[in-house]
C-alpha atoms as a PDB file:
ATOM      1  CA  UNK A   1      -0.377   0.596 -14.186  1.00  0.00           C
ATOM      2  CA  UNK A   2       2.874   0.910 -12.254  1.00  0.00           C
ATOM      3  CA  UNK A   3       2.254   2.098  -8.697  1.00  0.00           C
ATOM      4  CA  UNK A   4       4.247   2.265  -5.476  1.00  0.00           C
ATOM      5  CA  UNK A   5       3.252   3.440  -2.007  1.00  0.00           C
ATOM      6  CA  UNK A   6       5.034   4.705   1.083  1.00  0.00           C
ATOM      7  CA  UNK A   7       3.787   5.610   4.539  1.00  0.00           C
ATOM      8  CA  UNK A   8       4.418   9.125   5.783  1.00  0.00           C
ATOM      9  CA  UNK A   9       3.549  10.959   8.984  1.00  0.00           C
ATOM     10  CA  UNK A  10       2.122  14.470   8.898  1.00  0.00           C
ATOM     11  CA  UNK A  11       2.660  17.362  11.316  1.00  0.00           C
ATOM     12  CA  UNK A  12       0.063  20.159  11.382  1.00  0.00           C
ATOM     13  CA  UNK A  13      -0.432  23.298  13.406  1.00  0.00           C
ATOM     14  CA  UNK A  14      -3.575  24.965  14.685  1.00  0.00           C
ATOM     15  CA  UNK A  15      -2.728  28.656  14.780  1.00  0.00           C
ATOM     16  CA  UNK A  16      -4.756  31.308  16.569  1.00  0.00           C
ATOM     17  CA  UNK A  17      -6.018  34.083  14.257  1.00  0.00           C
ATOM     18  CA  UNK A  18      -6.901  37.674  14.994  1.00  0.00           C
ATOM     19  CA  UNK A  19      -9.678  37.846  12.447  1.00  0.00           C
ATOM     20  CA  UNK A  20     -13.393  38.545  12.575  1.00  0.00           C
ATOM     21  CA  UNK A  21     -13.998  35.536  10.292  1.00  0.00           C
ATOM     22  CA  UNK A  22     -11.982  32.758  11.963  1.00  0.00           C
ATOM     23  CA  UNK A  23     -10.501  32.180  15.390  1.00  0.00           C
ATOM     24  CA  UNK A  24      -7.904  29.680  14.116  1.00  0.00           C
ATOM     25  CA  UNK A  25      -6.276  28.255  10.980  1.00  0.00           C
ATOM     26  CA  UNK A  26      -4.936  24.775  10.270  1.00  0.00           C
ATOM     27  CA  UNK A  27      -1.567  24.603   8.506  1.00  0.00           C
ATOM     28  CA  UNK A  28       0.353  21.477   7.429  1.00  0.00           C
ATOM     29  CA  UNK A  29       4.001  22.121   8.341  1.00  0.00           C
ATOM     30  CA  UNK A  30       5.962  18.891   7.806  1.00  0.00           C
ATOM     31  CA  UNK A  31       5.908  15.375   6.443  1.00  0.00           C
ATOM     32  CA  UNK A  32       7.987  12.619   8.050  1.00  0.00           C
ATOM     33  CA  UNK A  33       9.358   9.605   6.207  1.00  0.00           C
ATOM     34  CA  UNK A  34       7.776   6.530   7.743  1.00  0.00           C
ATOM     35  CA  UNK A  35       5.143   6.130  10.417  1.00  0.00           C
ATOM     36  CA  UNK A  36       6.073   7.320  13.925  1.00  0.00           C
ATOM     37  CA  UNK A  37       4.793   5.332  16.892  1.00  0.00           C
ATOM     38  CA  UNK A  38       2.683   8.253  18.164  1.00  0.00           C
ATOM     39  CA  UNK A  39      -1.106   8.079  18.031  1.00  0.00           C
ATOM     40  CA  UNK A  40      -2.910  10.352  15.561  1.00  0.00           C
ATOM     41  CA  UNK A  41      -3.624  13.855  16.872  1.00  0.00           C
ATOM     42  CA  UNK A  42      -0.974  13.663  19.571  1.00  0.00           C
ATOM     43  CA  UNK A  43      -0.072  17.150  20.803  1.00  0.00           C
ATOM     44  CA  UNK A  44       3.635  17.760  20.181  1.00  0.00           C
ATOM     45  CA  UNK A  45       3.928  21.378  21.303  1.00  0.00           C
ATOM     46  CA  UNK A  46       1.575  23.991  22.654  1.00  0.00           C
ATOM     47  CA  UNK A  47       1.716  27.734  23.284  1.00  0.00           C
ATOM     48  CA  UNK A  48      -1.019  30.327  23.758  1.00  0.00           C
ATOM     49  CA  UNK A  49      -1.291  30.909  19.979  1.00  0.00           C
ATOM     50  CA  UNK A  50      -0.266  27.572  18.474  1.00  0.00           C
ATOM     51  CA  UNK A  51      -0.784  23.852  18.940  1.00  0.00           C
ATOM     52  CA  UNK A  52       1.369  21.450  16.920  1.00  0.00           C
ATOM     53  CA  UNK A  53      -0.032  17.959  16.305  1.00  0.00           C
ATOM     54  CA  UNK A  54       1.166  14.716  14.878  1.00  0.00           C
ATOM     55  CA  UNK A  55      -1.907  14.329  12.631  1.00  0.00           C
ATOM     56  CA  UNK A  56      -1.268  10.693  11.756  1.00  0.00           C
ATOM     57  CA  UNK A  57       0.003   8.422   9.036  1.00  0.00           C
ATOM     58  CA  UNK A  58      -1.131   8.397   5.432  1.00  0.00           C
ATOM     59  CA  UNK A  59      -0.056   6.495   2.359  1.00  0.00           C
ATOM     60  CA  UNK A  60       1.563   8.473  -0.443  1.00  0.00           C
ATOM     61  CA  UNK A  61       1.250   6.959  -3.919  1.00  0.00           C
ATOM     62  CA  UNK A  62       3.652   7.193  -6.851  1.00  0.00           C
ATOM     63  CA  UNK A  63       2.204   6.439 -10.295  1.00  0.00           C
ATOM     64  CA  UNK A  64       4.231   5.517 -13.384  1.00  0.00           C
ATOM     65  CA  UNK A  65       2.138   7.906 -15.495  1.00  0.00           C
ATOM     66  CA  UNK A  66       3.137  10.916 -13.353  1.00  0.00           C
ATOM     67  CA  UNK A  67       6.933  10.617 -13.548  1.00  0.00           C
ATOM     68  CA  UNK A  68       7.368  13.812 -15.575  1.00  0.00           C
ATOM     69  CA  UNK A  69       5.791  15.873 -12.795  1.00  0.00           C
ATOM     70  CA  UNK A  70       7.762  14.016 -10.104  1.00  0.00           C
ATOM     71  CA  UNK A  71      11.004  14.627 -12.004  1.00  0.00           C
ATOM     72  CA  UNK A  72      10.284  18.353 -12.322  1.00  0.00           C
ATOM     73  CA  UNK A  73       9.449  18.493  -8.613  1.00  0.00           C
ATOM     74  CA  UNK A  74      12.723  16.762  -7.701  1.00  0.00           C
ATOM     75  CA  UNK A  75      14.683  19.137  -9.971  1.00  0.00           C
ATOM     76  CA  UNK A  76      13.142  22.238  -8.382  1.00  0.00           C
ATOM     77  CA  UNK A  77      14.906  24.461  -5.839  1.00  0.00           C
ATOM     78  CA  UNK A  78      12.688  23.006  -3.100  1.00  0.00           C
ATOM     79  CA  UNK A  79      11.266  19.508  -3.727  1.00  0.00           C
ATOM     80  CA  UNK A  80       7.876  19.458  -2.035  1.00  0.00           C
ATOM     81  CA  UNK A  81       5.013  17.292  -0.937  1.00  0.00           C
ATOM     82  CA  UNK A  82       1.521  18.755  -0.886  1.00  0.00           C
ATOM     83  CA  UNK A  83      -0.649  17.979   2.115  1.00  0.00           C
ATOM     84  CA  UNK A  84      -4.422  18.186   1.877  1.00  0.00           C
ATOM     85  CA  UNK A  85      -6.526  18.559   5.019  1.00  0.00           C
ATOM     86  CA  UNK A  86     -10.297  18.328   4.884  1.00  0.00           C
ATOM     87  CA  UNK A  87     -12.669  20.055   7.298  1.00  0.00           C
ATOM     88  CA  UNK A  88     -14.783  17.667   9.361  1.00  0.00           C
ATOM     89  CA  UNK A  89     -17.311  17.889  12.177  1.00  0.00           C
ATOM     90  CA  UNK A  90     -15.336  15.373  14.246  1.00  0.00           C
ATOM     91  CA  UNK A  91     -12.672  16.551  16.669  1.00  0.00           C
ATOM     92  CA  UNK A  92     -10.218  18.215  16.112  1.00  0.00           C
ATOM     93  CA  UNK A  93     -12.016  19.736  13.087  1.00  0.00           C
ATOM     94  CA  UNK A  94      -9.832  18.500  10.205  1.00  0.00           C
ATOM     95  CA  UNK A  95      -8.669  15.157   8.865  1.00  0.00           C
ATOM     96  CA  UNK A  96      -5.816  14.071   6.635  1.00  0.00           C
ATOM     97  CA  UNK A  97      -7.101  13.725   3.097  1.00  0.00           C
ATOM     98  CA  UNK A  98      -4.060  13.269   0.829  1.00  0.00           C
ATOM     99  CA  UNK A  99      -0.320  13.747   0.455  1.00  0.00           C
ATOM    100  CA  UNK A 100       1.071  13.955  -3.075  1.00  0.00           C
ATOM    101  CA  UNK A 101       4.399  14.592  -4.798  1.00  0.00           C
ATOM    102  CA  UNK A 102       2.642  15.688  -8.001  1.00  0.00           C
ATOM    103  CA  UNK A 103       2.181  19.471  -8.196  1.00  0.00           C
ATOM    104  CA  UNK A 104      -0.588  19.124 -10.798  1.00  0.00           C
ATOM    105  CA  UNK A 105      -2.562  16.905  -8.390  1.00  0.00           C
ATOM    106  CA  UNK A 106      -2.132  19.547  -5.705  1.00  0.00           C
ATOM    107  CA  UNK A 107      -3.347  22.268  -8.048  1.00  0.00           C
ATOM    108  CA  UNK A 108      -6.417  20.205  -8.920  1.00  0.00           C
ATOM    109  CA  UNK A 109      -7.190  19.817  -5.202  1.00  0.00           C
ATOM    110  CA  UNK A 110      -7.390  23.597  -4.813  1.00  0.00           C
ATOM    111  CA  UNK A 111     -10.270  23.836  -7.296  1.00  0.00           C
ATOM    112  CA  UNK A 112     -12.916  22.906  -4.725  1.00  0.00           C
ATOM    113  CA  UNK A 113     -11.867  25.771  -2.490  1.00  0.00           C
ATOM    114  CA  UNK A 114     -12.847  23.820   0.617  1.00  0.00           C
ATOM    115  CA  UNK A 115      -9.729  21.801   1.458  1.00  0.00           C
ATOM    116  CA  UNK A 116      -6.544  23.133   3.036  1.00  0.00           C
ATOM    117  CA  UNK A 117      -3.635  22.495   0.651  1.00  0.00           C
ATOM    118  CA  UNK A 118      -0.072  23.359   1.637  1.00  0.00           C
ATOM    119  CA  UNK A 119       3.354  22.560   0.196  1.00  0.00           C
ATOM    120  CA  UNK A 120       5.945  21.316   2.683  1.00  0.00           C
ATOM    121  CA  UNK A 121       9.561  20.277   2.178  1.00  0.00           C
ATOM    122  CA  UNK A 122       9.987  16.741   0.913  1.00  0.00           C
ATOM    123  CA  UNK A 123      12.120  14.668   3.325  1.00  0.00           C
ATOM    124  CA  UNK A 124      15.421  13.495   1.831  1.00  0.00           C
ATOM    125  CA  UNK A 125      14.382   9.842   2.305  1.00  0.00           C
ATOM    126  CA  UNK A 126      11.251  10.430   0.197  1.00  0.00           C
ATOM    127  CA  UNK A 127      13.307  12.314  -2.415  1.00  0.00           C
ATOM    128  CA  UNK A 128      15.589   9.282  -2.778  1.00  0.00           C
ATOM    129  CA  UNK A 129      12.674   6.873  -2.936  1.00  0.00           C
ATOM    130  CA  UNK A 130      10.847   9.002  -5.522  1.00  0.00           C
ATOM    131  CA  UNK A 131      13.991   9.377  -7.646  1.00  0.00           C
ATOM    132  CA  UNK A 132      14.462   5.580  -7.517  1.00  0.00           C
ATOM    133  CA  UNK A 133      10.854   5.193  -8.707  1.00  0.00           C
ATOM    134  CA  UNK A 134      11.169   7.734 -11.528  1.00  0.00           C
ATOM    135  CA  UNK A 135      14.416   6.271 -12.905  1.00  0.00           C
ATOM    136  CA  UNK A 136      13.048   2.962 -14.271  1.00  0.00           C
ATOM    137  CA  UNK A 137       9.516   4.147 -15.048  1.00  0.00           C
ATOM    138  CA  UNK A 138       9.976   7.511 -16.780  1.00  0.00           C
ATOM    139  CA  UNK A 139       9.237   7.565 -20.499  1.00  0.00           C
ATOM    140  CA  UNK A 140      10.177  10.732 -22.353  1.00  0.00           C
ATOM    141  CA  UNK A 141       7.253  11.891 -24.435  1.00  0.00           C
ATOM    142  CA  UNK A 142       7.843  14.460 -27.156  1.00  0.00           C
ATOM    143  CA  UNK A 143       5.836  17.657 -27.001  1.00  0.00           C
ATOM    144  CA  UNK A 144       3.276  17.724 -29.787  1.00  0.00           C
ATOM    145  CA  UNK A 145       1.842  21.103 -30.572  1.00  0.00           C
ATOM    146  CA  UNK A 146      -1.823  20.924 -31.370  1.00  0.00           C
ATOM    147  CA  UNK A 147      -2.901  22.507 -34.631  1.00  0.00           C
ATOM    148  CA  UNK A 148      -6.184  24.337 -34.898  1.00  0.00           C
ATOM    149  CA  UNK A 149      -8.556  23.646 -37.700  1.00  0.00           C
ATOM    150  CA  UNK A 150      -8.819  26.543 -40.084  1.00  0.00           C
ATOM    151  CA  UNK A 151     -11.793  28.719 -39.341  1.00  0.00           C
ATOM    152  CA  UNK A 152     -14.736  28.431 -41.676  1.00  0.00           C
ATOM    153  CA  UNK A 153     -15.346  31.752 -43.477  1.00  0.00           C
ATOM    154  CA  UNK A 154     -19.071  31.123 -43.049  1.00  0.00           C
ATOM    155  CA  UNK A 155     -18.632  30.882 -39.297  1.00  0.00           C
ATOM    156  CA  UNK A 156     -16.919  34.261 -39.376  1.00  0.00           C
ATOM    157  CA  UNK A 157     -19.625  35.885 -41.512  1.00  0.00           C
ATOM    158  CA  UNK A 158     -21.714  38.639 -40.042  1.00  0.00           C
ATOM    159  CA  UNK A 159     -25.196  37.523 -38.980  1.00  0.00           C
ATOM    160  CA  UNK A 160     -28.319  39.442 -38.313  1.00  0.00           C
ATOM    161  CA  UNK A 161     -29.349  39.526 -34.657  1.00  0.00           C
ATOM    162  CA  UNK A 162     -31.636  36.604 -33.754  1.00  0.00           C
ATOM    163  CA  UNK A 163     -30.817  34.771 -36.991  1.00  0.00           C
ATOM    164  CA  UNK A 164     -30.406  31.016 -36.612  1.00  0.00           C
ATOM    165  CA  UNK A 165     -26.910  29.626 -36.493  1.00  0.00           C
ATOM    166  CA  UNK A 166     -25.843  27.027 -38.988  1.00  0.00           C
ATOM    167  CA  UNK A 167     -26.277  24.148 -36.513  1.00  0.00           C
ATOM    168  CA  UNK A 168     -29.704  25.465 -35.460  1.00  0.00           C
ATOM    169  CA  UNK A 169     -31.159  25.168 -38.991  1.00  0.00           C
ATOM    170  CA  UNK A 170     -30.823  21.388 -39.189  1.00  0.00           C
END
């Protein structure tokens, strides 16, 4: 499998909330091309309602099998990276889990309902690197519409309540 990686830095904010359910919310706000020299969880800016952190460095992966999704992302009005934060008991309360350029991966991450997933603008340097990866590895695959099997008239027949189904009689 064709695979390439790149290091990126992530900026997140801890925002105060006026809510009976939560006193704050974590929000990924930016991804930086490369790995800054700052230590993870360095405070970059702080006000009464917001603290901005350099959360740390994480490796983003590009896979040759995902080039269609990368290409669509790059062609969109706003090419994005999706940042996933995971709640943890350790300070500061979240950790970097994943950064992806594949929108379908990001959608799959939302299924658990426990992680914080946010789209942020893709840095131009990452856009160029991703486009350079897609170019030699993309294979156009024709869309093949699946055909349904014809329904069995017996399966559509009316049955008496509590009567066994065809598969139950065997």
